[in-house]
Amino acid sequence: MAELIAGMFQASRYKRSQGRIARQLTLAAMALAVAIGAWKLSDGSATEIGKYVVPMAVLAVGWWASFRLINLPRFADFLISVEAEMNKVSWPGRSELRRASMVVIIVIFFLAATLFFYDIVLDYVLGIFGI
């Protein structure tokens, strides 16, 4: 907890050139979540302070906290390692992706039909016994 509090009040950026994409996407997602929360907070208030000042303060503090959070050493190292692992992934080509997607869709329809058949049979058997 002390590391978190100390990290929130540092001015430096931790390993700023490493893990840029993962850190930027994480920051964007966190900033978007804070912005949506501040926007929703402004909807319910009738006063000027509750409608504009409080949501803007929440937005500013939330964006600052998001920026500081992605620069904490433990969290930043995690995001750096995530990006390093994602660079090692061999992504499928378009045709392989299409074939694999078709297999998944066909298997889902087959399983849905099988469950539907079992449901009909079970309904018929239980209907015979009056259950």
Protein backbone atom coordinates (compact mmCIF):
# COMPACT_ATOMS: atom_id res chain seq x y z
CA MET A 1 0.00 0.00 0.00
CA ALA A 2 2.87 2.34 0.75
CA GLU A 3 4.30 1.67 -2.74
CA LEU A 4 0.96 2.59 -4.31
CA ILE A 5 0.66 5.83 -2.34
CA ALA A 6 4.28 6.80 -3.00
CA GLY A 7 3.92 5.98 -6.70
CA MET A 8 0.83 8.16 -7.08
CA PHE A 9 2.79 11.26 -6.11
CA GLN A 10 5.94 10.79 -8.22
CA ALA A 11 6.49 13.01 -11.23
CA SER A 12 8.57 10.57 -13.30
CA ARG A 13 7.39 8.03 -15.84
CA TYR A 14 8.59 4.46 -15.29
CA LYS A 15 10.35 2.89 -18.33
CA ARG A 16 8.57 5.25 -20.68
CA SER A 17 9.80 3.66 -23.93
CA GLN A 18 8.83 0.07 -23.06
CA GLY A 19 5.38 -1.43 -23.48
CA ARG A 20 3.98 1.69 -25.12
CA ILE A 21 1.03 0.10 -26.91
CA ALA A 22 -0.21 -1.92 -23.93
CA ARG A 23 0.19 1.05 -21.63
CA GLN A 24 -1.54 3.47 -23.99
CA LEU A 25 -4.47 1.13 -24.56
CA THR A 26 -4.78 0.49 -20.83
CA LEU A 27 -4.70 4.21 -20.12
CA ALA A 28 -7.31 4.87 -22.81
CA ALA A 29 -9.63 2.20 -21.39
CA MET A 30 -9.24 3.51 -17.85
CA ALA A 31 -9.76 7.13 -18.97
CA LEU A 32 -12.88 6.11 -20.90
CA ALA A 33 -14.29 4.32 -17.84
CA VAL A 34 -13.64 7.41 -15.69
CA ALA A 35 -15.20 9.69 -18.34
CA ILE A 36 -18.34 7.55 -18.54
CA GLY A 37 -18.58 7.54 -14.75
CA ALA A 38 -18.23 11.34 -14.60
CA TRP A 39 -20.82 11.76 -17.34
CA LYS A 40 -23.28 9.51 -15.50
CA LEU A 41 -22.55 11.43 -12.31
CA SER A 42 -23.57 14.68 -13.99
CA ASP A 43 -26.93 13.27 -15.15
CA GLY A 44 -28.48 12.90 -11.71
CA SER A 45 -27.81 16.33 -10.22
CA ALA A 46 -30.00 19.43 -10.39
CA THR A 47 -27.48 21.97 -9.04
CA GLU A 48 -24.72 23.65 -11.03
CA ILE A 49 -22.02 22.33 -8.70
CA GLY A 50 -23.34 18.77 -8.87
CA LYS A 51 -23.86 18.96 -12.61
CA TYR A 52 -20.52 20.45 -13.68
CA VAL A 53 -17.96 20.96 -10.91
CA VAL A 54 -18.09 17.58 -9.20
CA PRO A 55 -17.99 15.53 -12.45
CA MET A 56 -15.09 17.63 -13.76
CA ALA A 57 -13.20 17.13 -10.49
CA VAL A 58 -13.90 13.38 -10.64
CA LEU A 59 -12.77 13.36 -14.28
CA ALA A 60 -9.51 15.21 -13.51
CA VAL A 61 -8.65 13.09 -10.47
CA GLY A 62 -9.61 9.87 -12.29
CA TRP A 63 -7.48 10.66 -15.32
CA TRP A 64 -4.55 11.63 -13.11
CA ALA A 65 -4.90 8.44 -11.07
CA SER A 66 -5.12 6.37 -14.27
CA PHE A 67 -1.95 7.96 -15.62
CA ARG A 68 -0.09 7.45 -12.37
CA LEU A 69 -1.33 3.86 -12.06
CA ILE A 70 0.13 2.77 -15.39
CA ASN A 71 3.48 4.22 -14.27
CA LEU A 72 3.68 2.24 -11.03
CA PRO A 73 6.64 -0.14 -11.35
CA ARG A 74 4.73 -3.39 -10.67
CA PHE A 75 1.81 -2.53 -12.95
CA ALA A 76 4.05 -1.08 -15.67
CA ASP A 77 6.28 -4.17 -15.63
CA PHE A 78 3.16 -6.32 -16.01
CA LEU A 79 2.01 -4.31 -19.03
CA ILE A 80 5.51 -4.41 -20.52
CA SER A 81 5.59 -8.20 -20.21
CA VAL A 82 2.08 -8.45 -21.69
CA GLU A 83 3.18 -6.53 -24.76
CA ALA A 84 6.35 -8.64 -25.04
CA GLU A 85 4.27 -11.83 -24.97
CA MET A 86 1.78 -10.45 -27.50
CA ASN A 87 4.68 -9.76 -29.87
CA LYS A 88 5.62 -13.46 -29.69
CA VAL A 89 2.16 -14.64 -30.79
CA SER A 90 1.86 -15.94 -34.34
CA TRP A 91 -1.44 -14.56 -35.55
CA PRO A 92 -3.42 -16.59 -38.12
CA GLY A 93 -3.90 -15.43 -41.67
CA ARG A 94 -7.29 -14.43 -43.06
CA SER A 95 -8.05 -17.82 -44.65
CA GLU A 96 -7.01 -19.78 -41.55
CA LEU A 97 -9.11 -17.47 -39.37
CA ARG A 98 -12.13 -17.98 -41.66
CA ARG A 99 -11.75 -21.78 -41.56
CA ALA A 100 -11.35 -21.87 -37.79
CA SER A 101 -14.37 -19.59 -37.33
CA MET A 102 -16.50 -21.82 -39.54
CA VAL A 103 -15.51 -24.87 -37.51
CA VAL A 104 -16.51 -23.10 -34.29
CA ILE A 105 -19.84 -21.95 -35.74
CA ILE A 106 -20.67 -25.43 -37.09
CA VAL A 107 -19.81 -27.07 -33.75
CA ILE A 108 -21.98 -24.55 -31.88
CA PHE A 109 -24.96 -25.28 -34.15
CA PHE A 110 -24.38 -29.03 -33.79
CA LEU A 111 -24.30 -28.78 -30.00
CA ALA A 112 -27.41 -26.57 -29.99
CA ALA A 113 -29.27 -29.13 -32.15
CA THR A 114 -28.11 -31.96 -29.89
CA LEU A 115 -29.32 -30.17 -26.77
CA PHE A 116 -32.62 -29.36 -28.49
CA PHE A 117 -33.06 -33.07 -29.35
CA TYR A 118 -32.26 -34.09 -25.75
CA ASP A 119 -34.74 -31.51 -24.49
CA ILE A 120 -37.51 -32.89 -26.70
CA VAL A 121 -36.77 -36.49 -25.67
CA LEU A 122 -36.59 -35.59 -21.97
CA ASP A 123 -39.83 -33.59 -22.21
CA TYR A 124 -41.56 -36.56 -23.87
CA VAL A 125 -40.24 -39.07 -21.28
CA LEU A 126 -41.20 -36.86 -18.35
CA GLY A 127 -44.60 -36.23 -19.97
CA ILE A 128 -45.29 -39.98 -19.98
CA PHE A 129 -44.76 -40.10 -16.22
CA GLY A 130 -46.79 -36.92 -15.69
CA ILE A 131 -43.92 -34.85 -14.39
